[in-house]
Amino acid sequence: MSFVLRLVRRMATLPGLRRLTQVDALMRVSLSLRSSLVQQPWRFVWNELRPDKRVTATYHLKESGVAITIRHKSPDILILDEMFSQHEYRFPDTVLSRLAERKAGPLQVADIGANIGLFGAWVLGLFPDAEIVAFEPDPANVAMHRRTIENNGRAATWRLLEVGAMTQAGPIRFATGSFATSHVARGDEGGIKVDGVDVFPLVADSDLVKIDIEGAEWPILQDPRFGDLGADAVVLEYHPEGSPEPDPARAAGALLSKARFDVIAHHPKDNGTGVLWAVRSSS
């Protein structure tokens, strides 16, 4: 099935076939192939192809058994694919080695821009005793995320804060309803009022910090306190919005270096975005 998924993704990029992705029925069939990632594949297929309203469902990941909750017929399926089929957040060996060398005790993880909790589920598949603090201000995403936490029985060790991760506390305007791409409102863009928190005190003791906040990462990366984090590793999804220079990958790499992190992996994506992995410099 993994071969079929790779083939479908490849075909969708070909000029003569790309237009087929605009046909809803064909897209539903394509997305239903992600059923191979869960232990309940036939229920997944039915929920993706059923003709009635969009449904929310909980599954257990095939590889790890960790529970996840997703909204069918939504971008949640694409994020599931990116995380567990394309492995866009696969831990580099250098990161795994560095985390193995850290102090004893459960891995402390900060998930900044946590969406529906799929990164947390990925982490638990690798580090079952990990303790997670997650930040997500979109109420619809939060509802899914809380169900994932509850279905894994992790309320005591997986803390979800319904706030925006900022460099100072205060209210912010947040554009909701865009699933994984919900973001701090820009310019005259509409949004709801949510609480923003100074994220640094809340992630100071984290071993691993993940940041994916749709352009709001730049003030955090530029804050002098970023270099004082105790984290052994950082995984960052950078975006062109708000980048201090035209090349966001270069800007992100330079800011990580300034904060005394060594970039050890770079996975560029479309539209000027990409994922960087970095570990604390040993020099």
C-alpha atoms as a PDB file:
ATOM      1  CA  MET A   1       0.000   0.000   0.000  1.00  0.00           C
ATOM      2  CA  SER A   2       2.893   2.395   0.676  1.00  0.00           C
ATOM      3  CA  PHE A   3       3.998   1.874  -2.939  1.00  0.00           C
ATOM      4  CA  VAL A   4       0.490   2.755  -4.162  1.00  0.00           C
ATOM      5  CA  LEU A   5       0.498   5.929  -2.061  1.00  0.00           C
ATOM      6  CA  ARG A   6       3.848   7.000  -3.491  1.00  0.00           C
ATOM      7  CA  LEU A   7       2.614   6.294  -7.015  1.00  0.00           C
ATOM      8  CA  VAL A   8      -0.583   8.300  -6.502  1.00  0.00           C
ATOM      9  CA  ARG A   9       1.361  11.251  -5.077  1.00  0.00           C
ATOM     10  CA  ARG A  10       3.768  11.131  -8.014  1.00  0.00           C
ATOM     11  CA  MET A  11       0.977  10.960 -10.591  1.00  0.00           C
ATOM     12  CA  ALA A  12      -0.766  13.944  -8.988  1.00  0.00           C
ATOM     13  CA  THR A  13       2.260  16.111  -9.843  1.00  0.00           C
ATOM     14  CA  LEU A  14       2.268  15.257 -13.550  1.00  0.00           C
ATOM     15  CA  PRO A  15       0.913  18.105 -15.723  1.00  0.00           C
ATOM     16  CA  GLY A  16      -1.530  15.930 -17.629  1.00  0.00           C
ATOM     17  CA  LEU A  17      -3.002  14.387 -14.485  1.00  0.00           C
ATOM     18  CA  ARG A  18      -2.825  17.278 -12.016  1.00  0.00           C
ATOM     19  CA  ARG A  19      -6.252  18.553 -13.094  1.00  0.00           C
ATOM     20  CA  LEU A  20      -7.787  15.282 -11.926  1.00  0.00           C
ATOM     21  CA  THR A  21      -7.037  16.296  -8.339  1.00  0.00           C
ATOM     22  CA  GLN A  22      -9.730  18.930  -8.770  1.00  0.00           C
ATOM     23  CA  VAL A  23     -12.382  16.233  -9.155  1.00  0.00           C
ATOM     24  CA  ASP A  24     -13.793  15.720  -5.672  1.00  0.00           C
ATOM     25  CA  ALA A  25     -14.719  12.047  -6.099  1.00  0.00           C
ATOM     26  CA  LEU A  26     -11.228  11.171  -7.325  1.00  0.00           C
ATOM     27  CA  MET A  27      -9.663  13.120  -4.473  1.00  0.00           C
ATOM     28  CA  ARG A  28     -11.806  11.222  -1.975  1.00  0.00           C
ATOM     29  CA  VAL A  29     -10.630   7.890  -3.418  1.00  0.00           C
ATOM     30  CA  SER A  30      -7.032   9.053  -3.320  1.00  0.00           C
ATOM     31  CA  LEU A  31      -7.292  10.236   0.271  1.00  0.00           C
ATOM     32  CA  SER A  32      -9.025   7.023   1.328  1.00  0.00           C
ATOM     33  CA  LEU A  33      -5.760   5.203   0.551  1.00  0.00           C
ATOM     34  CA  ARG A  34      -4.396   6.694   3.763  1.00  0.00           C
ATOM     35  CA  SER A  35      -6.433   3.962   5.433  1.00  0.00           C
ATOM     36  CA  SER A  36      -3.250   1.889   5.291  1.00  0.00           C
ATOM     37  CA  LEU A  37      -1.873   4.049   8.110  1.00  0.00           C
ATOM     38  CA  VAL A  38      -4.435   2.935  10.716  1.00  0.00           C
ATOM     39  CA  GLN A  39      -5.562  -0.289  12.339  1.00  0.00           C
ATOM     40  CA  GLN A  40      -9.173   0.224  11.224  1.00  0.00           C
ATOM     41  CA  PRO A  41      -8.706   0.647   7.443  1.00  0.00           C
ATOM     42  CA  TRP A  42     -12.215  -0.235   6.259  1.00  0.00           C
ATOM     43  CA  ARG A  43     -13.871   2.169   8.670  1.00  0.00           C
ATOM     44  CA  PHE A  44     -11.444   4.849   7.488  1.00  0.00           C
ATOM     45  CA  VAL A  45     -12.325   4.204   3.825  1.00  0.00           C
ATOM     46  CA  TRP A  46     -16.059   4.326   4.537  1.00  0.00           C
ATOM     47  CA  ASN A  47     -15.795   7.564   6.518  1.00  0.00           C
ATOM     48  CA  GLU A  48     -13.815   9.209   3.715  1.00  0.00           C
ATOM     49  CA  LEU A  49     -16.053   8.010   0.883  1.00  0.00           C
ATOM     50  CA  ARG A  50     -19.487   8.152   2.513  1.00  0.00           C
ATOM     51  CA  PRO A  51     -21.755  10.619   0.685  1.00  0.00           C
ATOM     52  CA  ASP A  52     -23.272  12.297   3.730  1.00  0.00           C
ATOM     53  CA  LYS A  53     -21.828  14.916   6.073  1.00  0.00           C
ATOM     54  CA  ARG A  54     -18.215  15.170   7.212  1.00  0.00           C
ATOM     55  CA  VAL A  55     -17.497  12.937  10.189  1.00  0.00           C
ATOM     56  CA  THR A  56     -14.939  12.960  12.968  1.00  0.00           C
ATOM     57  CA  ALA A  57     -13.414   9.619  13.894  1.00  0.00           C
ATOM     58  CA  THR A  58     -10.765   8.124  16.152  1.00  0.00           C
ATOM     59  CA  TYR A  59      -8.305   5.478  14.956  1.00  0.00           C
ATOM     60  CA  HIS A  60      -5.182   3.741  16.183  1.00  0.00           C
ATOM     61  CA  LEU A  61      -2.035   4.148  14.123  1.00  0.00           C
ATOM     62  CA  LYS A  62      -0.942   0.933  12.483  1.00  0.00           C
ATOM     63  CA  GLU A  63       2.724   1.208  13.455  1.00  0.00           C
ATOM     64  CA  SER A  64       2.472   2.409  17.054  1.00  0.00           C
ATOM     65  CA  GLY A  65      -1.106   1.860  18.228  1.00  0.00           C
ATOM     66  CA  VAL A  66      -1.302   5.502  19.363  1.00  0.00           C
ATOM     67  CA  ALA A  67      -4.849   6.912  19.061  1.00  0.00           C
ATOM     68  CA  ILE A  68      -5.553   9.891  16.792  1.00  0.00           C
ATOM     69  CA  THR A  69      -8.734  11.842  16.035  1.00  0.00           C
ATOM     70  CA  ILE A  70      -9.251  13.376  12.590  1.00  0.00           C
ATOM     71  CA  ARG A  71     -11.921  15.150  10.554  1.00  0.00           C
ATOM     72  CA  HIS A  72     -12.653  13.287   7.334  1.00  0.00           C
ATOM     73  CA  LYS A  73     -13.006  15.151   4.047  1.00  0.00           C
ATOM     74  CA  SER A  74     -10.668  17.822   5.410  1.00  0.00           C
ATOM     75  CA  PRO A  75      -6.956  18.757   5.263  1.00  0.00           C
ATOM     76  CA  ASP A  76      -6.460  16.591   8.375  1.00  0.00           C
ATOM     77  CA  ILE A  77      -6.013  13.640   6.000  1.00  0.00           C
ATOM     78  CA  LEU A  78      -3.168  15.394   4.186  1.00  0.00           C
ATOM     79  CA  ILE A  79      -1.414  16.138   7.487  1.00  0.00           C
ATOM     80  CA  LEU A  80      -1.843  12.492   8.471  1.00  0.00           C
ATOM     81  CA  ASP A  81      -0.178  11.538   5.190  1.00  0.00           C
ATOM     82  CA  GLU A  82       2.674  14.017   5.638  1.00  0.00           C
ATOM     83  CA  MET A  83       3.364  12.833   9.152  1.00  0.00           C
ATOM     84  CA  PHE A  84       2.975   9.059   8.931  1.00  0.00           C
ATOM     85  CA  SER A  85       3.400   8.192   5.240  1.00  0.00           C
ATOM     86  CA  GLN A  86       5.791  10.803   3.874  1.00  0.00           C
ATOM     87  CA  HIS A  87       7.487  11.034   7.305  1.00  0.00           C
ATOM     88  CA  GLU A  88       8.169  14.748   6.981  1.00  0.00           C
ATOM     89  CA  TYR A  89       9.028  14.807  10.690  1.00  0.00           C
ATOM     90  CA  ARG A  90      11.175  11.679  10.741  1.00  0.00           C
ATOM     91  CA  PHE A  91      13.784  12.134  13.483  1.00  0.00           C
ATOM     92  CA  PRO A  92      17.312  12.308  12.013  1.00  0.00           C
ATOM     93  CA  ASP A  93      19.765   9.855  13.573  1.00  0.00           C
ATOM     94  CA  THR A  94      21.770  12.765  14.988  1.00  0.00           C
ATOM     95  CA  VAL A  95      18.713  14.004  16.864  1.00  0.00           C
ATOM     96  CA  LEU A  96      17.906  10.550  18.221  1.00  0.00           C
ATOM     97  CA  SER A  97      21.502  10.188  19.409  1.00  0.00           C
ATOM     98  CA  ARG A  98      21.502  13.588  21.067  1.00  0.00           C
ATOM     99  CA  LEU A  99      18.203  12.926  22.844  1.00  0.00           C
ATOM    100  CA  ALA A 100      19.519   9.561  24.026  1.00  0.00           C
ATOM    101  CA  GLU A 101      22.426  11.364  25.712  1.00  0.00           C
ATOM    102  CA  ARG A 102      20.239  13.751  27.696  1.00  0.00           C
ATOM    103  CA  LYS A 103      19.503  13.560  31.399  1.00  0.00           C
ATOM    104  CA  ALA A 104      17.449  10.666  32.748  1.00  0.00           C
ATOM    105  CA  GLY A 105      13.675  10.850  32.861  1.00  0.00           C
ATOM    106  CA  PRO A 106      10.852  11.227  30.333  1.00  0.00           C
ATOM    107  CA  LEU A 107      11.554  13.224  27.181  1.00  0.00           C
ATOM    108  CA  GLN A 108      10.183  16.762  27.549  1.00  0.00           C
ATOM    109  CA  VAL A 109       8.608  18.004  24.303  1.00  0.00           C
ATOM    110  CA  ALA A 110       7.165  21.415  23.391  1.00  0.00           C
ATOM    111  CA  ASP A 111       4.787  21.375  20.419  1.00  0.00           C
ATOM    112  CA  ILE A 112       4.322  25.000  19.321  1.00  0.00           C
ATOM    113  CA  GLY A 113       1.578  25.082  16.712  1.00  0.00           C
ATOM    114  CA  ALA A 114       0.151  21.709  17.661  1.00  0.00           C
ATOM    115  CA  ASN A 115      -2.929  21.587  15.390  1.00  0.00           C
ATOM    116  CA  ILE A 116      -4.852  18.344  16.114  1.00  0.00           C
ATOM    117  CA  GLY A 117      -1.995  16.586  17.902  1.00  0.00           C
ATOM    118  CA  LEU A 118      -0.470  14.425  15.169  1.00  0.00           C
ATOM    119  CA  PHE A 119       3.088  15.464  16.012  1.00  0.00           C
ATOM    120  CA  GLY A 120       2.426  14.507  19.608  1.00  0.00           C
ATOM    121  CA  ALA A 121       1.123  11.128  18.411  1.00  0.00           C
ATOM    122  CA  TRP A 122       4.278  10.705  16.318  1.00  0.00           C
ATOM    123  CA  VAL A 123       6.444  11.473  19.360  1.00  0.00           C
ATOM    124  CA  LEU A 124       4.577   8.972  21.550  1.00  0.00           C
ATOM    125  CA  GLY A 125       5.169   6.276  18.951  1.00  0.00           C
ATOM    126  CA  LEU A 126       8.916   6.799  19.421  1.00  0.00           C
ATOM    127  CA  PHE A 127       9.028   7.808  23.095  1.00  0.00           C
ATOM    128  CA  PRO A 128       6.002   6.280  24.871  1.00  0.00           C
ATOM    129  CA  ASP A 129       6.789   7.992  28.191  1.00  0.00           C
ATOM    130  CA  ALA A 130       7.322  11.466  26.684  1.00  0.00           C
ATOM    131  CA  GLU A 131       5.726  14.449  28.399  1.00  0.00           C
ATOM    132  CA  ILE A 132       4.290  17.054  26.029  1.00  0.00           C
ATOM    133  CA  VAL A 133       3.210  20.665  26.362  1.00  0.00           C
ATOM    134  CA  ALA A 134       1.280  21.777  23.276  1.00  0.00           C
ATOM    135  CA  PHE A 135       0.136  25.213  22.095  1.00  0.00           C
ATOM    136  CA  GLU A 136      -2.856  25.634  19.758  1.00  0.00           C
ATOM    137  CA  PRO A 137      -5.275  28.598  19.640  1.00  0.00           C
ATOM    138  CA  ASP A 138      -7.778  27.434  16.978  1.00  0.00           C
ATOM    139  CA  PRO A 139     -10.834  26.137  18.923  1.00  0.00           C
ATOM    140  CA  ALA A 140     -11.781  23.547  16.280  1.00  0.00           C
ATOM    141  CA  ASN A 141      -8.256  22.114  16.237  1.00  0.00           C
ATOM    142  CA  VAL A 142      -8.167  22.150  20.033  1.00  0.00           C
ATOM    143  CA  ALA A 143     -11.329  20.022  20.201  1.00  0.00           C
ATOM    144  CA  MET A 144      -9.710  17.323  18.036  1.00  0.00           C
ATOM    145  CA  HIS A 145      -6.450  17.542  19.953  1.00  0.00           C
ATOM    146  CA  ARG A 146      -8.172  17.091  23.314  1.00  0.00           C
ATOM    147  CA  ARG A 147      -9.908  13.957  22.055  1.00  0.00           C
ATOM    148  CA  THR A 148      -6.561  12.523  21.008  1.00  0.00           C
ATOM    149  CA  ILE A 149      -5.114  13.217  24.450  1.00  0.00           C
ATOM    150  CA  GLU A 150      -8.118  11.637  26.186  1.00  0.00           C
ATOM    151  CA  ASN A 151      -8.171   8.561  23.937  1.00  0.00           C
ATOM    152  CA  ASN A 152      -4.528   7.907  24.798  1.00  0.00           C
ATOM    153  CA  GLY A 153      -5.150   8.369  28.524  1.00  0.00           C
ATOM    154  CA  ARG A 154      -2.462  11.053  28.656  1.00  0.00           C
ATOM    155  CA  ALA A 155      -4.248  13.936  30.402  1.00  0.00           C
ATOM    156  CA  ALA A 156      -1.576  14.009  33.106  1.00  0.00           C
ATOM    157  CA  THR A 157       1.430  14.066  30.781  1.00  0.00           C
ATOM    158  CA  TRP A 158       0.170  15.775  27.600  1.00  0.00           C
ATOM    159  CA  ARG A 159      -0.821  19.342  28.436  1.00  0.00           C
ATOM    160  CA  LEU A 160      -2.655  21.381  25.796  1.00  0.00           C
ATOM    161  CA  LEU A 161      -2.774  25.159  26.146  1.00  0.00           C
ATOM    162  CA  GLU A 162      -5.427  26.932  24.055  1.00  0.00           C
ATOM    163  CA  VAL A 163      -3.245  30.001  23.462  1.00  0.00           C
ATOM    164  CA  GLY A 164      -1.046  31.595  20.837  1.00  0.00           C
ATOM    165  CA  ALA A 165       2.696  31.176  21.368  1.00  0.00           C
ATOM    166  CA  MET A 166       4.216  34.671  21.341  1.00  0.00           C
ATOM    167  CA  THR A 167       7.165  36.564  22.809  1.00  0.00           C
ATOM    168  CA  GLN A 168       4.952  38.464  25.236  1.00  0.00           C
ATOM    169  CA  ALA A 169       1.561  37.959  26.842  1.00  0.00           C
ATOM    170  CA  GLY A 170      -1.495  39.752  25.519  1.00  0.00           C
ATOM    171  CA  PRO A 171      -4.545  39.333  23.288  1.00  0.00           C
ATOM    172  CA  ILE A 172      -4.018  38.554  19.599  1.00  0.00           C
ATOM    173  CA  ARG A 173      -6.306  38.340  16.577  1.00  0.00           C
ATOM    174  CA  PHE A 174      -6.302  34.831  15.157  1.00  0.00           C
ATOM    175  CA  ALA A 175      -7.659  33.698  11.774  1.00  0.00           C
ATOM    176  CA  THR A 176      -9.356  30.371  12.498  1.00  0.00           C
ATOM    177  CA  GLY A 177     -11.024  27.688  10.407  1.00  0.00           C
ATOM    178  CA  SER A 178      -8.114  26.880   8.101  1.00  0.00           C
ATOM    179  CA  PHE A 179      -7.217  23.611   9.821  1.00  0.00           C
ATOM    180  CA  ALA A 180      -3.408  23.266   9.915  1.00  0.00           C
ATOM    181  CA  THR A 181      -2.886  26.689   8.336  1.00  0.00           C
ATOM    182  CA  SER A 182      -4.878  28.762  10.830  1.00  0.00           C
ATOM    183  CA  HIS A 183      -2.648  31.683  11.806  1.00  0.00           C
ATOM    184  CA  VAL A 184      -2.180  34.996  13.533  1.00  0.00           C
ATOM    185  CA  ALA A 185      -4.308  37.432  11.518  1.00  0.00           C
ATOM    186  CA  ARG A 186      -2.388  39.627   9.092  1.00  0.00           C
ATOM    187  CA  GLY A 187      -3.235  43.205   8.160  1.00  0.00           C
ATOM    188  CA  ASP A 188      -6.990  43.700   7.862  1.00  0.00           C
ATOM    189  CA  GLU A 189      -7.684  39.968   7.951  1.00  0.00           C
ATOM    190  CA  GLY A 190     -10.560  38.979  10.202  1.00  0.00           C
ATOM    191  CA  GLY A 191     -10.187  36.728  13.192  1.00  0.00           C
ATOM    192  CA  ILE A 192     -11.190  35.948  16.748  1.00  0.00           C
ATOM    193  CA  LYS A 193      -9.587  37.278  19.902  1.00  0.00           C
ATOM    194  CA  VAL A 194      -7.402  34.701  21.667  1.00  0.00           C
ATOM    195  CA  ASP A 195      -4.897  34.843  24.470  1.00  0.00           C
ATOM    196  CA  GLY A 196      -1.239  35.104  23.583  1.00  0.00           C
ATOM    197  CA  VAL A 197       1.390  33.947  26.059  1.00  0.00           C
ATOM    198  CA  ASP A 198       5.094  34.491  26.460  1.00  0.00           C
ATOM    199  CA  VAL A 199       6.146  31.034  25.328  1.00  0.00           C
ATOM    200  CA  PHE A 200       9.715  31.064  26.637  1.00  0.00           C
ATOM    201  CA  PRO A 201       9.045  30.350  30.342  1.00  0.00           C
ATOM    202  CA  LEU A 202       6.731  27.504  29.327  1.00  0.00           C
ATOM    203  CA  VAL A 203       9.274  25.681  27.150  1.00  0.00           C
ATOM    204  CA  ALA A 204      12.451  26.437  29.096  1.00  0.00           C
ATOM    205  CA  ASP A 205      12.857  22.840  30.302  1.00  0.00           C
ATOM    206  CA  SER A 206      12.006  21.125  27.014  1.00  0.00           C
ATOM    207  CA  ASP A 207      14.464  18.671  25.459  1.00  0.00           C
ATOM    208  CA  LEU A 208      12.847  18.994  22.019  1.00  0.00           C
ATOM    209  CA  VAL A 209      11.042  22.053  20.673  1.00  0.00           C
ATOM    210  CA  LYS A 210       8.870  21.846  17.553  1.00  0.00           C
ATOM    211  CA  ILE A 211       7.678  25.095  15.946  1.00  0.00           C
ATOM    212  CA  ASP A 212       5.114  25.336  13.142  1.00  0.00           C
ATOM    213  CA  ILE A 213       3.046  28.505  13.470  1.00  0.00           C
ATOM    214  CA  GLU A 214       2.489  29.733   9.923  1.00  0.00           C
ATOM    215  CA  GLY A 215       4.821  32.730   9.908  1.00  0.00           C
ATOM    216  CA  ALA A 216       4.592  33.696  13.583  1.00  0.00           C
ATOM    217  CA  GLU A 217       7.847  31.831  14.214  1.00  0.00           C
ATOM    218  CA  TRP A 218      10.058  34.769  13.248  1.00  0.00           C
ATOM    219  CA  PRO A 219       9.654  36.895  16.423  1.00  0.00           C
ATOM    220  CA  ILE A 220      10.400  33.788  18.509  1.00  0.00           C
ATOM    221  CA  LEU A 221      13.520  32.940  16.485  1.00  0.00           C
ATOM    222  CA  GLN A 222      14.731  36.547  16.681  1.00  0.00           C
ATOM    223  CA  ASP A 223      14.175  36.863  20.435  1.00  0.00           C
ATOM    224  CA  PRO A 224      17.532  36.779  22.340  1.00  0.00           C
ATOM    225  CA  ARG A 225      16.035  34.235  24.739  1.00  0.00           C
ATOM    226  CA  PHE A 226      15.799  31.667  21.947  1.00  0.00           C
ATOM    227  CA  GLY A 227      19.518  31.033  22.300  1.00  0.00           C
ATOM    228  CA  ASP A 228      19.087  30.404  26.023  1.00  0.00           C
ATOM    229  CA  LEU A 229      16.673  27.504  25.604  1.00  0.00           C
ATOM    230  CA  GLY A 230      17.845  24.305  27.242  1.00  0.00           C
ATOM    231  CA  ALA A 231      16.591  22.210  24.323  1.00  0.00           C
ATOM    232  CA  ASP A 232      18.899  19.625  22.791  1.00  0.00           C
ATOM    233  CA  ALA A 233      17.040  19.766  19.462  1.00  0.00           C
ATOM    234  CA  VAL A 234      14.663  21.967  17.487  1.00  0.00           C
ATOM    235  CA  VAL A 235      12.459  21.079  14.526  1.00  0.00           C
ATOM    236  CA  LEU A 236      11.161  24.130  12.705  1.00  0.00           C
ATOM    237  CA  GLU A 237       8.753  24.557   9.817  1.00  0.00           C
ATOM    238  CA  TYR A 238       9.574  27.966   8.379  1.00  0.00           C
ATOM    239  CA  HIS A 239       7.284  30.097   6.190  1.00  0.00           C
ATOM    240  CA  PRO A 240       7.849  33.029   3.859  1.00  0.00           C
ATOM    241  CA  GLU A 241       5.285  35.164   5.708  1.00  0.00           C
ATOM    242  CA  GLY A 242       7.173  37.459   8.059  1.00  0.00           C
ATOM    243  CA  SER A 243      10.611  36.263   6.971  1.00  0.00           C
ATOM    244  CA  PRO A 244      13.306  38.898   7.638  1.00  0.00           C
ATOM    245  CA  GLU A 245      14.847  38.252   4.207  1.00  0.00           C
ATOM    246  CA  PRO A 246      13.632  36.992   0.808  1.00  0.00           C
ATOM    247  CA  ASP A 247      14.991  33.460   1.356  1.00  0.00           C
ATOM    248  CA  PRO A 248      13.168  32.089   4.427  1.00  0.00           C
ATOM    249  CA  ALA A 249      15.253  28.894   4.541  1.00  0.00           C
ATOM    250  CA  ARG A 250      18.447  30.931   4.726  1.00  0.00           C
ATOM    251  CA  ALA A 251      16.932  33.280   7.308  1.00  0.00           C
ATOM    252  CA  ALA A 252      15.795  30.391   9.510  1.00  0.00           C
ATOM    253  CA  GLY A 253      19.156  28.664   9.272  1.00  0.00           C
ATOM    254  CA  ALA A 254      20.991  31.868  10.193  1.00  0.00           C
ATOM    255  CA  LEU A 255      18.776  32.481  13.227  1.00  0.00           C
ATOM    256  CA  LEU A 256      19.214  28.905  14.433  1.00  0.00           C
ATOM    257  CA  SER A 257      22.979  29.267  14.050  1.00  0.00           C
ATOM    258  CA  LYS A 258      22.935  32.564  15.950  1.00  0.00           C
ATOM    259  CA  ALA A 259      21.099  30.760  18.753  1.00  0.00           C
ATOM    260  CA  ARG A 260      23.896  28.154  18.805  1.00  0.00           C
ATOM    261  CA  PHE A 261      22.056  25.356  17.023  1.00  0.00           C
ATOM    262  CA  ASP A 262      23.601  23.347  14.180  1.00  0.00           C
ATOM    263  CA  VAL A 263      21.229  22.561  11.301  1.00  0.00           C
ATOM    264  CA  ILE A 264      21.601  18.881  10.453  1.00  0.00           C
ATOM    265  CA  ALA A 265      18.668  18.294   8.066  1.00  0.00           C
ATOM    266  CA  HIS A 266      16.613  20.402   5.665  1.00  0.00           C
ATOM    267  CA  HIS A 267      13.452  19.246   3.889  1.00  0.00           C
ATOM    268  CA  PRO A 268      12.194  22.005   1.544  1.00  0.00           C
ATOM    269  CA  LYS A 269       8.497  21.986   0.641  1.00  0.00           C
ATOM    270  CA  ASP A 270       6.326  23.971  -1.745  1.00  0.00           C
ATOM    271  CA  ASN A 271       5.607  27.716  -1.629  1.00  0.00           C
ATOM    272  CA  GLY A 272       8.798  28.669   0.171  1.00  0.00           C
ATOM    273  CA  THR A 273       8.183  26.536   3.258  1.00  0.00           C
ATOM    274  CA  GLY A 274      10.367  23.766   4.626  1.00  0.00           C
ATOM    275  CA  VAL A 275      11.398  21.819   7.715  1.00  0.00           C
ATOM    276  CA  LEU A 276      14.737  22.257   9.468  1.00  0.00           C
ATOM    277  CA  TRP A 277      16.152  19.979  12.151  1.00  0.00           C
ATOM    278  CA  ALA A 278      18.859  21.384  14.416  1.00  0.00           C
ATOM    279  CA  VAL A 279      20.762  20.254  17.491  1.00  0.00           C
ATOM    280  CA  ARG A 280      22.453  22.308  20.167  1.00  0.00           C
ATOM    281  CA  SER A 281      26.004  23.116  19.095  1.00  0.00           C
ATOM    282  CA  SER A 282      28.632  21.216  21.068  1.00  0.00           C
ATOM    283  CA  SER A 283      31.265  23.930  20.507  1.00  0.00           C
END
